[in-house]
Amino acid sequence: VNTEGILYRETAVGKTRFLVHHMNNMSTRQKLYVIATN
């Protein structure tokens, strides 16, 4: 990942599985989040 942003966006219901795998390639410390919206 070279810049801040949304890596993935999807809408789901019921049984959901996540596989997330990313590298920070920026010059600053970053945080990775999974954000849920109702």
PDB file of all heavy atoms in Angstrom:
ATOM      1  N   VAL A   1       0.851  -1.197   0.000  1.00  0.00           N
ATOM      2  CA  VAL A   1       0.000   0.000   0.000  1.00  0.00           C
ATOM      3  C   VAL A   1       0.882   1.241   0.000  1.00  0.00           C
ATOM      4  O   VAL A   1       1.702   1.438   0.901  1.00  0.00           O
ATOM      5  CB  VAL A   1      -0.933  -0.005   1.232  1.00  0.00           C
ATOM      6  CG1 VAL A   1      -1.868   1.198   1.184  1.00  0.00           C
ATOM      7  CG2 VAL A   1      -1.735  -1.305   1.287  1.00  0.00           C
ATOM      8  N   ASN A   2       0.703   2.088  -1.018  1.00  0.00           N
ATOM      9  CA  ASN A   2       1.551   3.259  -1.204  1.00  0.00           C
ATOM     10  C   ASN A   2       0.903   4.562  -0.766  1.00  0.00           C
ATOM     11  O   ASN A   2       1.579   5.589  -0.681  1.00  0.00           O
ATOM     12  CB  ASN A   2       1.952   3.380  -2.680  1.00  0.00           C
ATOM     13  CG  ASN A   2       2.751   2.177  -3.147  1.00  0.00           C
ATOM     14  OD1 ASN A   2       3.706   1.764  -2.501  1.00  0.00           O
ATOM     15  ND2 ASN A   2       2.349   1.599  -4.266  1.00  0.00           N
ATOM     16  N   THR A   3      -0.407   4.551  -0.495  1.00  0.00           N
ATOM     17  CA  THR A   3      -1.105   5.777  -0.097  1.00  0.00           C
ATOM     18  C   THR A   3      -2.312   5.420   0.752  1.00  0.00           C
ATOM     19  O   THR A   3      -2.835   4.297   0.667  1.00  0.00           O
ATOM     20  CB  THR A   3      -1.539   6.586  -1.336  1.00  0.00           C
ATOM     21  OG1 THR A   3      -2.132   7.818  -0.919  1.00  0.00           O
ATOM     22  CG2 THR A   3      -2.556   5.815  -2.162  1.00  0.00           C
ATOM     23  N   GLU A   4      -2.747   6.348   1.581  1.00  0.00           N
ATOM     24  CA  GLU A   4      -3.919   6.113   2.421  1.00  0.00           C
ATOM     25  C   GLU A   4      -5.159   5.914   1.559  1.00  0.00           C
ATOM     26  O   GLU A   4      -5.291   6.504   0.486  1.00  0.00           O
ATOM     27  CB  GLU A   4      -4.151   7.303   3.357  1.00  0.00           C
ATOM     28  CG  GLU A   4      -3.073   7.510   4.389  1.00  0.00           C
ATOM     29  CD  GLU A   4      -3.353   8.705   5.275  1.00  0.00           C
ATOM     30  OE1 GLU A   4      -4.139   9.591   4.865  1.00  0.00           O
ATOM     31  OE2 GLU A   4      -2.791   8.760   6.372  1.00  0.00           O
ATOM     32  N   GLY A   5      -6.076   5.096   2.056  1.00  0.00           N
ATOM     33  CA  GLY A   5      -7.315   4.911   1.322  1.00  0.00           C
ATOM     34  C   GLY A   5      -8.050   3.663   1.722  1.00  0.00           C
ATOM     35  O   GLY A   5      -7.721   2.982   2.700  1.00  0.00           O
ATOM     36  N   ILE A   6      -9.096   3.380   0.937  1.00  0.00           N
ATOM     37  CA  ILE A   6      -9.938   2.204   1.145  1.00  0.00           C
ATOM     38  C   ILE A   6      -9.370   1.057   0.310  1.00  0.00           C
ATOM     39  O   ILE A   6      -9.275   1.150  -0.914  1.00  0.00           O
ATOM     40  CB  ILE A   6     -11.398   2.500   0.750  1.00  0.00           C
ATOM     41  CG1 ILE A   6     -11.964   3.609   1.657  1.00  0.00           C
ATOM     42  CG2 ILE A   6     -12.251   1.244   0.838  1.00  0.00           C
ATOM     43  CD1 ILE A   6     -13.313   4.137   1.205  1.00  0.00           C
ATOM     44  N   LEU A   7      -8.982   0.001   0.971  1.00  0.00           N
ATOM     45  CA  LEU A   7      -8.393  -1.153   0.291  1.00  0.00           C
ATOM     46  C   LEU A   7      -9.473  -2.098  -0.219  1.00  0.00           C
ATOM     47  O   LEU A   7      -9.255  -2.819  -1.198  1.00  0.00           O
ATOM     48  CB  LEU A   7      -7.467  -1.901   1.240  1.00  0.00           C
ATOM     49  CG  LEU A   7      -6.383  -1.045   1.917  1.00  0.00           C
ATOM     50  CD1 LEU A   7      -5.685  -1.830   3.014  1.00  0.00           C
ATOM     51  CD2 LEU A   7      -5.381  -0.567   0.889  1.00  0.00           C
ATOM     52  N   TYR A   8     -10.601  -2.116   0.479  1.00  0.00           N
ATOM     53  CA  TYR A   8     -11.697  -2.994   0.059  1.00  0.00           C
ATOM     54  C   TYR A   8     -13.003  -2.459   0.622  1.00  0.00           C
ATOM     55  O   TYR A   8     -13.031  -1.943   1.750  1.00  0.00           O
ATOM     56  CB  TYR A   8     -11.481  -4.431   0.550  1.00  0.00           C
ATOM     57  CG  TYR A   8     -12.211  -5.459  -0.295  1.00  0.00           C
ATOM     58  CD1 TYR A   8     -11.579  -6.043  -1.376  1.00  0.00           C
ATOM     59  CD2 TYR A   8     -13.524  -5.805  -0.039  1.00  0.00           C
ATOM     60  CE1 TYR A   8     -12.231  -6.964  -2.178  1.00  0.00           C
ATOM     61  CE2 TYR A   8     -14.194  -6.717  -0.834  1.00  0.00           C
ATOM     62  CZ  TYR A   8     -13.543  -7.298  -1.909  1.00  0.00           C
ATOM     63  OH  TYR A   8     -14.202  -8.194  -2.712  1.00  0.00           O
ATOM     64  N   ARG A   9     -14.087  -2.574  -0.161  1.00  0.00           N
ATOM     65  CA  ARG A   9     -15.426  -2.191   0.300  1.00  0.00           C
ATOM     66  C   ARG A   9     -16.419  -3.233  -0.199  1.00  0.00           C
ATOM     67  O   ARG A   9     -16.457  -3.549  -1.390  1.00  0.00           O
ATOM     68  CB  ARG A   9     -15.815  -0.805  -0.196  1.00  0.00           C
ATOM     69  CG  ARG A   9     -17.274  -0.439   0.084  1.00  0.00           C
ATOM     70  CD  ARG A   9     -17.583   0.993  -0.314  1.00  0.00           C
ATOM     71  NE  ARG A   9     -16.967   1.936   0.614  1.00  0.00           N
ATOM     72  CZ  ARG A   9     -16.874   3.244   0.382  1.00  0.00           C
ATOM     73  NH1 ARG A   9     -17.310   3.742  -0.773  1.00  0.00           N
ATOM     74  NH2 ARG A   9     -16.324   4.037   1.286  1.00  0.00           N
ATOM     75  N   GLU A  10     -17.210  -3.762   0.721  1.00  0.00           N
ATOM     76  CA  GLU A  10     -18.194  -4.783   0.356  1.00  0.00           C
ATOM     77  C   GLU A  10     -19.348  -4.756   1.356  1.00  0.00           C
ATOM     78  O   GLU A  10     -19.180  -4.366   2.521  1.00  0.00           O
ATOM     79  CB  GLU A  10     -17.545  -6.169   0.338  1.00  0.00           C
ATOM     80  CG  GLU A  10     -18.460  -7.310  -0.049  1.00  0.00           C
ATOM     81  CD  GLU A  10     -19.070  -7.160  -1.431  1.00  0.00           C
ATOM     82  OE1 GLU A  10     -20.004  -6.330  -1.559  1.00  0.00           O
ATOM     83  OE2 GLU A  10     -18.630  -7.852  -2.371  1.00  0.00           O
ATOM     84  N   THR A  11     -20.512  -5.162   0.897  1.00  0.00           N
ATOM     85  CA  THR A  11     -21.699  -5.279   1.744  1.00  0.00           C
ATOM     86  C   THR A  11     -22.056  -6.752   1.857  1.00  0.00           C
ATOM     87  O   THR A  11     -22.081  -7.469   0.849  1.00  0.00           O
ATOM     88  CB  THR A  11     -22.880  -4.488   1.154  1.00  0.00           C
ATOM     89  OG1 THR A  11     -22.514  -3.101   1.099  1.00  0.00           O
ATOM     90  CG2 THR A  11     -24.118  -4.637   2.025  1.00  0.00           C
ATOM     91  N   ALA A  12     -22.310  -7.207   3.078  1.00  0.00           N
ATOM     92  CA  ALA A  12     -22.581  -8.628   3.296  1.00  0.00           C
ATOM     93  C   ALA A  12     -23.564  -8.795   4.441  1.00  0.00           C
ATOM     94  O   ALA A  12     -23.727  -7.909   5.288  1.00  0.00           O
ATOM     95  CB  ALA A  12     -21.284  -9.385   3.595  1.00  0.00           C
ATOM     96  N   VAL A  13     -24.207  -9.962   4.464  1.00  0.00           N
ATOM     97  CA  VAL A  13     -25.119 -10.314   5.545  1.00  0.00           C
ATOM     98  C   VAL A  13     -24.911 -11.787   5.869  1.00  0.00           C
ATOM     99  O   VAL A  13     -24.574 -12.593   5.001  1.00  0.00           O
ATOM    100  CB  VAL A  13     -26.589 -10.038   5.153  1.00  0.00           C
ATOM    101  CG1 VAL A  13     -27.018 -10.892   3.968  1.00  0.00           C
ATOM    102  CG2 VAL A  13     -27.524 -10.269   6.347  1.00  0.00           C
ATOM    103  N   GLY A  14     -25.089 -12.131   7.154  1.00  0.00           N
ATOM    104  CA  GLY A  14     -24.967 -13.523   7.561  1.00  0.00           C
ATOM    105  C   GLY A  14     -23.524 -13.919   7.754  1.00  0.00           C
ATOM    106  O   GLY A  14     -22.695 -13.150   8.261  1.00  0.00           O
ATOM    107  N   LYS A  15     -23.167 -15.155   7.333  1.00  0.00           N
ATOM    108  CA  LYS A  15     -21.831 -15.699   7.554  1.00  0.00           C
ATOM    109  C   LYS A  15     -20.828 -15.068   6.583  1.00  0.00           C
ATOM    110  O   LYS A  15     -20.968 -15.189   5.370  1.00  0.00           O
ATOM    111  CB  LYS A  15     -21.860 -17.219   7.397  1.00  0.00           C
ATOM    112  CG  LYS A  15     -22.680 -17.927   8.478  1.00  0.00           C
ATOM    113  CD  LYS A  15     -22.640 -19.430   8.352  1.00  0.00           C
ATOM    114  CE  LYS A  15     -23.476 -19.911   7.189  1.00  0.00           C
ATOM    115  NZ  LYS A  15     -23.572 -21.402   7.166  1.00  0.00           N
ATOM    116  N   THR A  16     -19.820 -14.393   7.171  1.00  0.00           N
ATOM    117  CA  THR A  16     -18.842 -13.644   6.378  1.00  0.00           C
ATOM    118  C   THR A  16     -17.440 -13.985   6.860  1.00  0.00           C
ATOM    119  O   THR A  16     -17.183 -14.010   8.060  1.00  0.00           O
ATOM    120  CB  THR A  16     -19.074 -12.130   6.505  1.00  0.00           C
ATOM    121  OG1 THR A  16     -20.440 -11.829   6.190  1.00  0.00           O
ATOM    122  CG2 THR A  16     -18.155 -11.360   5.567  1.00  0.00           C
ATOM    123  N   ARG A  17     -16.565 -14.230   5.919  1.00  0.00           N
ATOM    124  CA  ARG A  17     -15.169 -14.576   6.237  1.00  0.00           C
ATOM    125  C   ARG A  17     -14.252 -13.488   5.670  1.00  0.00           C
ATOM    126  O   ARG A  17     -14.450 -13.009   4.553  1.00  0.00           O
ATOM    127  CB  ARG A  17     -14.815 -15.939   5.643  1.00  0.00           C
ATOM    128  CG  ARG A  17     -13.369 -16.380   5.854  1.00  0.00           C
ATOM    129  CD  ARG A  17     -13.211 -17.858   5.513  1.00  0.00           C
ATOM    130  NE  ARG A  17     -13.899 -18.673   6.495  1.00  0.00           N
ATOM    131  CZ  ARG A  17     -14.628 -19.757   6.201  1.00  0.00           C
ATOM    132  NH1 ARG A  17     -14.736 -20.159   4.942  1.00  0.00           N
ATOM    133  NH2 ARG A  17     -15.222 -20.441   7.154  1.00  0.00           N
ATOM    134  N   PHE A  18     -13.238 -13.120   6.461  1.00  0.00           N
ATOM    135  CA  PHE A  18     -12.271 -12.107   6.024  1.00  0.00           C
ATOM    136  C   PHE A  18     -10.884 -12.716   5.877  1.00  0.00           C
ATOM    137  O   PHE A  18     -10.438 -13.486   6.732  1.00  0.00           O
ATOM    138  CB  PHE A  18     -12.188 -10.967   7.050  1.00  0.00           C
ATOM    139  CG  PHE A  18     -13.279  -9.951   6.929  1.00  0.00           C
ATOM    140  CD1 PHE A  18     -14.472 -10.119   7.614  1.00  0.00           C
ATOM    141  CD2 PHE A  18     -13.122  -8.831   6.132  1.00  0.00           C
ATOM    142  CE1 PHE A  18     -15.484  -9.196   7.510  1.00  0.00           C
ATOM    143  CE2 PHE A  18     -14.134  -7.894   6.020  1.00  0.00           C
ATOM    144  CZ  PHE A  18     -15.320  -8.077   6.708  1.00  0.00           C
ATOM    145  N   LEU A  19     -10.225 -12.353   4.804  1.00  0.00           N
ATOM    146  CA  LEU A  19      -8.788 -12.577   4.657  1.00  0.00           C
ATOM    147  C   LEU A  19      -8.184 -11.231   4.258  1.00  0.00           C
ATOM    148  O   LEU A  19      -8.473 -10.714   3.174  1.00  0.00           O
ATOM    149  CB  LEU A  19      -8.475 -13.629   3.596  1.00  0.00           C
ATOM    150  CG  LEU A  19      -6.970 -13.858   3.366  1.00  0.00           C
ATOM    151  CD1 LEU A  19      -6.326 -14.491   4.591  1.00  0.00           C
ATOM    152  CD2 LEU A  19      -6.712 -14.719   2.140  1.00  0.00           C
ATOM    153  N   VAL A  20      -7.377 -10.655   5.144  1.00  0.00           N
ATOM    154  CA  VAL A  20      -6.773  -9.345   4.925  1.00  0.00           C
ATOM    155  C   VAL A  20      -5.263  -9.499   5.048  1.00  0.00           C
ATOM    156  O   VAL A  20      -4.771 -10.075   6.032  1.00  0.00           O
ATOM    157  CB  VAL A  20      -7.295  -8.312   5.950  1.00  0.00           C
ATOM    158  CG1 VAL A  20      -6.626  -6.961   5.742  1.00  0.00           C
ATOM    159  CG2 VAL A  20      -8.820  -8.182   5.847  1.00  0.00           C
ATOM    160  N   HIS A  21      -4.530  -8.977   4.067  1.00  0.00           N
ATOM    161  CA  HIS A  21      -3.061  -9.133   4.061  1.00  0.00           C
ATOM    162  C   HIS A  21      -2.475  -7.954   3.291  1.00  0.00           C
ATOM    163  O   HIS A  21      -2.613  -7.868   2.067  1.00  0.00           O
ATOM    164  CB  HIS A  21      -2.686 -10.458   3.393  1.00  0.00           C
ATOM    165  CG  HIS A  21      -1.210 -10.763   3.421  1.00  0.00           C
ATOM    166  ND1 HIS A  21      -0.548 -11.185   4.552  1.00  0.00           N
ATOM    167  CD2 HIS A  21      -0.271 -10.727   2.434  1.00  0.00           C
ATOM    168  CE1 HIS A  21       0.725 -11.402   4.266  1.00  0.00           C
ATOM    169  NE2 HIS A  21       0.917 -11.130   2.990  1.00  0.00           N
ATOM    170  N   HIS A  22      -1.832  -7.001   4.024  1.00  0.00           N
ATOM    171  CA  HIS A  22      -1.307  -5.789   3.382  1.00  0.00           C
ATOM    172  C   HIS A  22      -0.004  -5.353   4.025  1.00  0.00           C
ATOM    173  O   HIS A  22       0.244  -5.621   5.207  1.00  0.00           O
ATOM    174  CB  HIS A  22      -2.325  -4.643   3.479  1.00  0.00           C
ATOM    175  CG  HIS A  22      -3.585  -4.878   2.713  1.00  0.00           C
ATOM    176  ND1 HIS A  22      -3.654  -4.769   1.338  1.00  0.00           N
ATOM    177  CD2 HIS A  22      -4.821  -5.238   3.132  1.00  0.00           C
ATOM    178  CE1 HIS A  22      -4.899  -5.038   0.946  1.00  0.00           C
ATOM    179  NE2 HIS A  22      -5.612  -5.329   2.019  1.00  0.00           N
ATOM    180  N   MET A  23       0.798  -4.655   3.225  1.00  0.00           N
ATOM    181  CA  MET A  23       2.077  -4.100   3.688  1.00  0.00           C
ATOM    182  C   MET A  23       2.036  -2.574   3.591  1.00  0.00           C
ATOM    183  O   MET A  23       1.524  -2.021   2.611  1.00  0.00           O
ATOM    184  CB  MET A  23       3.230  -4.628   2.834  1.00  0.00           C
ATOM    185  CG  MET A  23       4.587  -3.993   3.167  1.00  0.00           C
ATOM    186  SD  MET A  23       5.925  -4.515   2.042  1.00  0.00           S
ATOM    187  CE  MET A  23       6.161  -6.204   2.589  1.00  0.00           C
ATOM    188  N   ASN A  24       2.577  -1.909   4.604  1.00  0.00           N
ATOM    189  CA  ASN A  24       2.694  -0.453   4.598  1.00  0.00           C
ATOM    190  C   ASN A  24       3.956  -0.051   3.832  1.00  0.00           C
ATOM    191  O   ASN A  24       5.069  -0.314   4.280  1.00  0.00           O
ATOM    192  CB  ASN A  24       2.751   0.067   6.041  1.00  0.00           C
ATOM    193  CG  ASN A  24       3.070   1.558   6.095  1.00  0.00           C
ATOM    194  OD1 ASN A  24       2.835   2.294   5.147  1.00  0.00           O
ATOM    195  ND2 ASN A  24       3.613   1.995   7.221  1.00  0.00           N
ATOM    196  N   ASN A  25       3.758   0.593   2.691  1.00  0.00           N
ATOM    197  CA  ASN A  25       4.898   1.050   1.890  1.00  0.00           C
ATOM    198  C   ASN A  25       5.027   2.567   1.934  1.00  0.00           C
ATOM    199  O   ASN A  25       5.670   3.163   1.073  1.00  0.00           O
ATOM    200  CB  ASN A  25       4.762   0.584   0.434  1.00  0.00           C
ATOM    201  CG  ASN A  25       6.089   0.658  -0.312  1.00  0.00           C
ATOM    202  OD1 ASN A  25       7.137   0.324   0.231  1.00  0.00           O
ATOM    203  ND2 ASN A  25       6.049   1.099  -1.565  1.00  0.00           N
ATOM    204  N   MET A  26       4.410   3.205   2.950  1.00  0.00           N
ATOM    205  CA  MET A  26       4.514   4.653   3.106  1.00  0.00           C
ATOM    206  C   MET A  26       5.642   4.988   4.071  1.00  0.00           C
ATOM    207  O   MET A  26       6.162   4.121   4.772  1.00  0.00           O
ATOM    208  CB  MET A  26       3.174   5.217   3.580  1.00  0.00           C
ATOM    209  CG  MET A  26       2.099   5.181   2.494  1.00  0.00           C
ATOM    210  SD  MET A  26       0.435   5.555   3.097  1.00  0.00           S
ATOM    211  CE  MET A  26      -0.171   3.905   3.475  1.00  0.00           C
ATOM    212  N   SER A  27       6.000   6.249   4.150  1.00  0.00           N
ATOM    213  CA  SER A  27       7.126   6.674   4.990  1.00  0.00           C
ATOM    214  C   SER A  27       6.718   6.928   6.430  1.00  0.00           C
ATOM    215  O   SER A  27       7.574   7.186   7.273  1.00  0.00           O
ATOM    216  CB  SER A  27       7.755   7.948   4.411  1.00  0.00           C
ATOM    217  OG  SER A  27       6.795   9.005   4.374  1.00  0.00           O
ATOM    218  N   THR A  28       5.410   6.873   6.714  1.00  0.00           N
ATOM    219  CA  THR A  28       4.902   7.130   8.063  1.00  0.00           C
ATOM    220  C   THR A  28       4.236   5.878   8.618  1.00  0.00           C
ATOM    221  O   THR A  28       3.877   4.958   7.873  1.00  0.00           O
ATOM    222  CB  THR A  28       3.884   8.280   8.050  1.00  0.00           C
ATOM    223  OG1 THR A  28       2.820   7.958   7.128  1.00  0.00           O
ATOM    224  CG2 THR A  28       4.538   9.578   7.626  1.00  0.00           C
ATOM    225  N   ARG A  29       4.062   5.862   9.933  1.00  0.00           N
ATOM    226  CA  ARG A  29       3.353   4.747  10.572  1.00  0.00           C
ATOM    227  C   ARG A  29       1.875   4.793  10.198  1.00  0.00           C
ATOM    228  O   ARG A  29       1.248   5.859  10.233  1.00  0.00           O
ATOM    229  CB  ARG A  29       3.490   4.819  12.095  1.00  0.00           C
ATOM    230  CG  ARG A  29       4.889   4.509  12.620  1.00  0.00           C
ATOM    231  CD  ARG A  29       4.928   4.728  14.127  1.00  0.00           C
ATOM    232  NE  ARG A  29       6.232   4.435  14.690  1.00  0.00           N
ATOM    233  CZ  ARG A  29       6.525   3.311  15.343  1.00  0.00           C
ATOM    234  NH1 ARG A  29       5.598   2.394  15.527  1.00  0.00           N
ATOM    235  NH2 ARG A  29       7.723   3.115  15.845  1.00  0.00           N
ATOM    236  N   GLN A  30       1.340   3.637   9.863  1.00  0.00           N
ATOM    237  CA  GLN A  30      -0.054   3.527   9.446  1.00  0.00           C
ATOM    238  C   GLN A  30      -0.790   2.528  10.339  1.00  0.00           C
ATOM    239  O   GLN A  30      -0.180   1.704  11.016  1.00  0.00           O
ATOM    240  CB  GLN A  30      -0.140   3.059   7.986  1.00  0.00           C
ATOM    241  CG  GLN A  30       0.565   3.954   6.989  1.00  0.00           C
ATOM    242  CD  GLN A  30      -0.164   5.253   6.744  1.00  0.00           C
ATOM    243  OE1 GLN A  30      -1.368   5.265   6.490  1.00  0.00           O
ATOM    244  NE2 GLN A  30       0.557   6.362   6.834  1.00  0.00           N
ATOM    245  N   LYS A  31      -2.114   2.628  10.324  1.00  0.00           N
ATOM    246  CA  LYS A  31      -2.944   1.632  10.989  1.00  0.00           C
ATOM    247  C   LYS A  31      -3.943   1.058   9.989  1.00  0.00           C
ATOM    248  O   LYS A  31      -4.443   1.761   9.105  1.00  0.00           O
ATOM    249  CB  LYS A  31      -3.682   2.236  12.186  1.00  0.00           C
ATOM    250  CG  LYS A  31      -2.794   2.415  13.403  1.00  0.00           C
ATOM    251  CD  LYS A  31      -3.602   2.742  14.651  1.00  0.00           C
ATOM    252  CE  LYS A  31      -2.719   2.749  15.883  1.00  0.00           C
ATOM    253  NZ  LYS A  31      -3.502   2.998  17.123  1.00  0.00           N
ATOM    254  N   LEU A  32      -4.207  -0.240  10.171  1.00  0.00           N
ATOM    255  CA  LEU A  32      -5.137  -0.964   9.310  1.00  0.00           C
ATOM    256  C   LEU A  32      -6.426  -1.181  10.094  1.00  0.00           C
ATOM    257  O   LEU A  32      -6.381  -1.571  11.268  1.00  0.00           O
ATOM    258  CB  LEU A  32      -4.514  -2.292   8.904  1.00  0.00           C
ATOM    259  CG  LEU A  32      -5.178  -3.115   7.808  1.00  0.00           C
ATOM    260  CD1 LEU A  32      -5.205  -2.356   6.488  1.00  0.00           C
ATOM    261  CD2 LEU A  32      -4.427  -4.440   7.620  1.00  0.00           C
ATOM    262  N   TYR A  33      -7.559  -0.907   9.471  1.00  0.00           N
ATOM    263  CA  TYR A  33      -8.854  -1.027  10.137  1.00  0.00           C
ATOM    264  C   TYR A  33      -9.835  -1.821   9.282  1.00  0.00           C
ATOM    265  O   TYR A  33      -9.779  -1.760   8.042  1.00  0.00           O
ATOM    266  CB  TYR A  33      -9.492   0.348  10.379  1.00  0.00           C
ATOM    267  CG  TYR A  33      -8.742   1.263  11.304  1.00  0.00           C
ATOM    268  CD1 TYR A  33      -7.721   2.092  10.823  1.00  0.00           C
ATOM    269  CD2 TYR A  33      -9.059   1.335  12.657  1.00  0.00           C
ATOM    270  CE1 TYR A  33      -7.040   2.956  11.667  1.00  0.00           C
ATOM    271  CE2 TYR A  33      -8.391   2.206  13.510  1.00  0.00           C
ATOM    272  CZ  TYR A  33      -7.384   3.008  13.010  1.00  0.00           C
ATOM    273  OH  TYR A  33      -6.719   3.859  13.847  1.00  0.00           O
ATOM    274  N   VAL A  34     -10.747  -2.535   9.948  1.00  0.00           N
ATOM    275  CA  VAL A  34     -11.961  -3.045   9.314  1.00  0.00           C
ATOM    276  C   VAL A  34     -13.111  -2.279   9.954  1.00  0.00           C
ATOM    277  O   VAL A  34     -13.358  -2.404  11.158  1.00  0.00           O
ATOM    278  CB  VAL A  34     -12.134  -4.555   9.520  1.00  0.00           C
ATOM    279  CG1 VAL A  34     -13.441  -5.020   8.878  1.00  0.00           C
ATOM    280  CG2 VAL A  34     -10.961  -5.324   8.933  1.00  0.00           C
ATOM    281  N   ILE A  35     -13.795  -1.449   9.151  1.00  0.00           N
ATOM    282  CA  ILE A  35     -14.863  -0.591   9.666  1.00  0.00           C
ATOM    283  C   ILE A  35     -16.205  -1.125   9.183  1.00  0.00           C
ATOM    284  O   ILE A  35     -16.401  -1.352   7.988  1.00  0.00           O
ATOM    285  CB  ILE A  35     -14.673   0.864   9.207  1.00  0.00           C
ATOM    286  CG1 ILE A  35     -13.342   1.397   9.729  1.00  0.00           C
ATOM    287  CG2 ILE A  35     -15.819   1.739   9.688  1.00  0.00           C
ATOM    288  CD1 ILE A  35     -12.990   2.760   9.206  1.00  0.00           C
ATOM    289  N   ALA A  36     -17.126  -1.335  10.124  1.00  0.00           N
ATOM    290  CA  ALA A  36     -18.473  -1.814   9.807  1.00  0.00           C
ATOM    291  C   ALA A  36     -19.446  -0.648   9.890  1.00  0.00           C
ATOM    292  O   ALA A  36     -19.393   0.148  10.834  1.00  0.00           O
ATOM    293  CB  ALA A  36     -18.881  -2.919  10.771  1.00  0.00           C
ATOM    294  N   THR A  37     -20.349  -0.548   8.920  1.00  0.00           N
ATOM    295  CA  THR A  37     -21.354   0.519   8.886  1.00  0.00           C
ATOM    296  C   THR A  37     -22.738  -0.097   8.762  1.00  0.00           C
ATOM    297  O   THR A  37     -22.974  -0.956   7.899  1.00  0.00           O
ATOM    298  CB  THR A  37     -21.108   1.471   7.705  1.00  0.00           C
ATOM    299  OG1 THR A  37     -19.808   2.048   7.828  1.00  0.00           O
ATOM    300  CG2 THR A  37     -22.150   2.581   7.676  1.00  0.00           C
ATOM    301  N   ASN A  38     -23.656   0.341   9.619  1.00  0.00           N
ATOM    302  CA  ASN A  38     -25.044  -0.116   9.578  1.00  0.00           C
ATOM    303  C   ASN A  38     -25.876   0.921   8.835  1.00  0.00           C
ATOM    304  O   ASN A  38     -26.190   1.985   9.374  1.00  0.00           O
ATOM    305  CB  ASN A  38     -25.580  -0.313  11.000  1.00  0.00           C
ATOM    306  CG  ASN A  38     -27.037  -0.736  11.015  1.00  0.00           C
ATOM    307  OD1 ASN A  38     -27.593  -1.136   9.989  1.00  0.00           O
ATOM    308  ND2 ASN A  38     -27.666  -0.653  12.177  1.00  0.00           N
TER     309      ASN A  38
END
